[in-house]
Amino acid sequence: MAPETTARFEVREVPVSQPGVTVLELSGELDAHTAPEFERFLERIVREEQRSRLILDFHKLEYISSAGLGVLMGLIEEVRAQSGDMILTNLPEKIFHVLDLLGFPVVFRIVPTVEEALVKFK
């Protein structure tokens, strides 16, 4: 699948050898301008392609706004309704701090690496 991109944000699918798991690498800035594109991308994966075992790799993400966080919150229940999950990995410290303050670790699994997230889906 080709990367989705705007001037400041990109999401690309990273190939993995584990069947049924989708790894998405986020980079740049996920804000009010780029969140709608990200939402459309995730909706296509979850709703149209019925993929619900998602790993989001944040190691190249520089910024996330409430709009970006809203995209994640808006799809987590739908993903879990399909017997899947959305695991967040490689969060830069400043982004983890924001998510932690907002209670995201209660709702989302957050693990240090993609490899650890893959183990969760075995």
C-alpha atoms as a PDB file:
ATOM      1  CA  MET A   1       0.000   0.000   0.000  1.00  0.00           C
ATOM      2  CA  ALA A   2       1.392   3.417  -0.932  1.00  0.00           C
ATOM      3  CA  PRO A   3       2.131   5.875   1.864  1.00  0.00           C
ATOM      4  CA  GLU A   4      -0.457   8.501   2.632  1.00  0.00           C
ATOM      5  CA  THR A   5       1.167  11.881   2.999  1.00  0.00           C
ATOM      6  CA  THR A   6       0.664  15.599   3.396  1.00  0.00           C
ATOM      7  CA  ALA A   7       3.370  18.214   3.748  1.00  0.00           C
ATOM      8  CA  ARG A   8       3.761  17.536   7.473  1.00  0.00           C
ATOM      9  CA  PHE A   9       2.456  14.048   8.156  1.00  0.00           C
ATOM     10  CA  GLU A  10       2.918  10.588   6.731  1.00  0.00           C
ATOM     11  CA  VAL A  11       1.551   7.177   7.619  1.00  0.00           C
ATOM     12  CA  ARG A  12       2.984   4.149   5.904  1.00  0.00           C
ATOM     13  CA  GLU A  13       2.424   0.449   6.254  1.00  0.00           C
ATOM     14  CA  VAL A  14       5.514  -1.479   7.307  1.00  0.00           C
ATOM     15  CA  PRO A  15       5.709  -5.075   6.097  1.00  0.00           C
ATOM     16  CA  VAL A  16       5.870  -7.710   8.845  1.00  0.00           C
ATOM     17  CA  SER A  17       6.073 -11.470   8.659  1.00  0.00           C
ATOM     18  CA  GLN A  18       3.233 -12.015  11.116  1.00  0.00           C
ATOM     19  CA  PRO A  19       0.002 -12.682   9.193  1.00  0.00           C
ATOM     20  CA  GLY A  20      -3.028 -10.619  10.130  1.00  0.00           C
ATOM     21  CA  VAL A  21      -1.087  -7.827  11.818  1.00  0.00           C
ATOM     22  CA  THR A  22      -0.792  -4.353  10.313  1.00  0.00           C
ATOM     23  CA  VAL A  23       2.082  -2.101  11.407  1.00  0.00           C
ATOM     24  CA  LEU A  24       1.720   1.583  10.622  1.00  0.00           C
ATOM     25  CA  GLU A  25       4.606   4.014  11.005  1.00  0.00           C
ATOM     26  CA  LEU A  26       3.555   7.589  11.743  1.00  0.00           C
ATOM     27  CA  SER A  27       5.878  10.515  11.076  1.00  0.00           C
ATOM     28  CA  GLY A  28       5.686  14.273  11.232  1.00  0.00           C
ATOM     29  CA  GLU A  29       2.853  16.170  12.858  1.00  0.00           C
ATOM     30  CA  LEU A  30      -0.602  14.718  13.479  1.00  0.00           C
ATOM     31  CA  ASP A  31      -2.761  17.776  14.040  1.00  0.00           C
ATOM     32  CA  ALA A  32      -6.096  19.311  13.032  1.00  0.00           C
ATOM     33  CA  HIS A  33      -4.890  19.699   9.437  1.00  0.00           C
ATOM     34  CA  THR A  34      -3.561  16.157   9.019  1.00  0.00           C
ATOM     35  CA  ALA A  35      -5.935  14.187  11.277  1.00  0.00           C
ATOM     36  CA  PRO A  36      -8.760  13.903   8.682  1.00  0.00           C
ATOM     37  CA  GLU A  37      -6.406  12.174   6.224  1.00  0.00           C
ATOM     38  CA  PHE A  38      -5.183   9.818   8.965  1.00  0.00           C
ATOM     39  CA  GLU A  39      -8.769   9.086   9.955  1.00  0.00           C
ATOM     40  CA  ARG A  40      -9.719   8.202   6.355  1.00  0.00           C
ATOM     41  CA  PHE A  41      -6.649   5.956   6.096  1.00  0.00           C
ATOM     42  CA  LEU A  42      -7.503   4.090   9.326  1.00  0.00           C
ATOM     43  CA  GLU A  43     -11.195   3.834   8.442  1.00  0.00           C
ATOM     44  CA  ARG A  44     -10.297   2.232   5.123  1.00  0.00           C
ATOM     45  CA  ILE A  45      -8.075  -0.315   6.857  1.00  0.00           C
ATOM     46  CA  VAL A  46     -10.563  -1.106   9.633  1.00  0.00           C
ATOM     47  CA  ARG A  47     -13.922  -0.814   7.848  1.00  0.00           C
ATOM     48  CA  GLU A  48     -13.245  -1.688   4.228  1.00  0.00           C
ATOM     49  CA  GLU A  49     -10.328  -4.081   4.584  1.00  0.00           C
ATOM     50  CA  GLN A  50     -11.527  -5.508   7.926  1.00  0.00           C
ATOM     51  CA  ARG A  51      -8.051  -5.337   9.466  1.00  0.00           C
ATOM     52  CA  SER A  52      -8.254  -4.976  13.223  1.00  0.00           C
ATOM     53  CA  ARG A  53      -4.883  -6.044  14.617  1.00  0.00           C
ATOM     54  CA  LEU A  54      -3.033  -2.744  14.398  1.00  0.00           C
ATOM     55  CA  ILE A  55       0.328  -1.594  15.706  1.00  0.00           C
ATOM     56  CA  LEU A  56       1.011   2.129  15.490  1.00  0.00           C
ATOM     57  CA  ASP A  57       4.711   2.991  15.581  1.00  0.00           C
ATOM     58  CA  PHE A  58       5.205   6.551  16.821  1.00  0.00           C
ATOM     59  CA  HIS A  59       9.012   6.738  16.717  1.00  0.00           C
ATOM     60  CA  LYS A  60       9.026   9.321  13.899  1.00  0.00           C
ATOM     61  CA  LEU A  61       6.013  11.288  15.125  1.00  0.00           C
ATOM     62  CA  GLU A  62       7.019  14.748  16.303  1.00  0.00           C
ATOM     63  CA  TYR A  63       3.662  16.092  17.482  1.00  0.00           C
ATOM     64  CA  ILE A  64       0.102  14.940  18.132  1.00  0.00           C
ATOM     65  CA  SER A  65      -2.823  17.254  18.843  1.00  0.00           C
ATOM     66  CA  SER A  66      -6.226  16.566  20.329  1.00  0.00           C
ATOM     67  CA  ALA A  67      -7.512  16.001  16.788  1.00  0.00           C
ATOM     68  CA  GLY A  68      -5.011  13.189  16.284  1.00  0.00           C
ATOM     69  CA  LEU A  69      -5.841  11.703  19.669  1.00  0.00           C
ATOM     70  CA  GLY A  70      -9.513  11.868  18.738  1.00  0.00           C
ATOM     71  CA  VAL A  71      -8.887   9.729  15.663  1.00  0.00           C
ATOM     72  CA  LEU A  72      -7.387   7.004  17.871  1.00  0.00           C
ATOM     73  CA  MET A  73     -10.217   7.207  20.411  1.00  0.00           C
ATOM     74  CA  GLY A  74     -12.806   7.204  17.637  1.00  0.00           C
ATOM     75  CA  LEU A  75     -11.699   3.859  16.235  1.00  0.00           C
ATOM     76  CA  ILE A  76     -10.525   1.819  19.234  1.00  0.00           C
ATOM     77  CA  GLU A  77     -13.980   0.459  20.089  1.00  0.00           C
ATOM     78  CA  GLU A  78     -14.647  -0.493  16.476  1.00  0.00           C
ATOM     79  CA  VAL A  79     -11.289  -2.285  16.269  1.00  0.00           C
ATOM     80  CA  ARG A  80     -12.032  -4.212  19.461  1.00  0.00           C
ATOM     81  CA  ALA A  81     -15.540  -5.041  18.244  1.00  0.00           C
ATOM     82  CA  GLN A  82     -13.783  -6.894  15.393  1.00  0.00           C
ATOM     83  CA  SER A  83     -11.817  -8.906  18.010  1.00  0.00           C
ATOM     84  CA  GLY A  84      -8.723  -6.809  17.365  1.00  0.00           C
ATOM     85  CA  ASP A  85      -6.690  -4.204  19.172  1.00  0.00           C
ATOM     86  CA  MET A  86      -4.649  -1.081  18.498  1.00  0.00           C
ATOM     87  CA  ILE A  87      -1.253  -1.157  20.209  1.00  0.00           C
ATOM     88  CA  LEU A  88       0.888   1.976  20.415  1.00  0.00           C
ATOM     89  CA  THR A  89       4.682   1.626  20.304  1.00  0.00           C
ATOM     90  CA  ASN A  90       7.901   3.636  20.331  1.00  0.00           C
ATOM     91  CA  LEU A  91       6.299   6.748  21.792  1.00  0.00           C
ATOM     92  CA  PRO A  92       8.659   9.718  22.079  1.00  0.00           C
ATOM     93  CA  GLU A  93       8.810  10.872  25.688  1.00  0.00           C
ATOM     94  CA  LYS A  94       6.929  14.133  25.106  1.00  0.00           C
ATOM     95  CA  ILE A  95       4.095  12.318  23.297  1.00  0.00           C
ATOM     96  CA  PHE A  96       3.926   9.600  25.947  1.00  0.00           C
ATOM     97  CA  HIS A  97       3.696  12.288  28.618  1.00  0.00           C
ATOM     98  CA  VAL A  98       0.656  13.851  26.918  1.00  0.00           C
ATOM     99  CA  LEU A  99      -1.034  10.456  26.470  1.00  0.00           C
ATOM    100  CA  ASP A 100      -0.288   9.533  30.065  1.00  0.00           C
ATOM    101  CA  LEU A 101      -1.805  12.768  31.382  1.00  0.00           C
ATOM    102  CA  LEU A 102      -4.966  12.088  29.378  1.00  0.00           C
ATOM    103  CA  GLY A 103      -5.321   8.506  30.624  1.00  0.00           C
ATOM    104  CA  PHE A 104      -4.517   6.745  27.352  1.00  0.00           C
ATOM    105  CA  PRO A 105      -2.565   3.948  29.085  1.00  0.00           C
ATOM    106  CA  VAL A 106      -5.866   2.857  30.649  1.00  0.00           C
ATOM    107  CA  VAL A 107      -7.536   2.546  27.238  1.00  0.00           C
ATOM    108  CA  PHE A 108      -4.644   1.535  24.946  1.00  0.00           C
ATOM    109  CA  ARG A 109      -1.863  -0.971  25.241  1.00  0.00           C
ATOM    110  CA  ILE A 110       1.403   0.923  25.049  1.00  0.00           C
ATOM    111  CA  VAL A 111       4.601  -1.078  24.657  1.00  0.00           C
ATOM    112  CA  PRO A 112       8.183   0.014  23.998  1.00  0.00           C
ATOM    113  CA  THR A 113       8.799  -1.705  20.634  1.00  0.00           C
ATOM    114  CA  VAL A 114       7.058  -3.109  17.590  1.00  0.00           C
ATOM    115  CA  GLU A 115       8.559  -6.519  18.391  1.00  0.00           C
ATOM    116  CA  GLU A 116       6.881  -6.508  21.822  1.00  0.00           C
ATOM    117  CA  ALA A 117       3.595  -5.491  20.229  1.00  0.00           C
ATOM    118  CA  LEU A 118       3.837  -8.362  17.734  1.00  0.00           C
ATOM    119  CA  VAL A 119       4.175 -10.780  20.649  1.00  0.00           C
ATOM    120  CA  LYS A 120       0.895  -9.457  22.073  1.00  0.00           C
ATOM    121  CA  PHE A 121      -0.870 -10.593  18.878  1.00  0.00           C
ATOM    122  CA  LYS A 122       0.503 -14.158  18.892  1.00  0.00           C
END
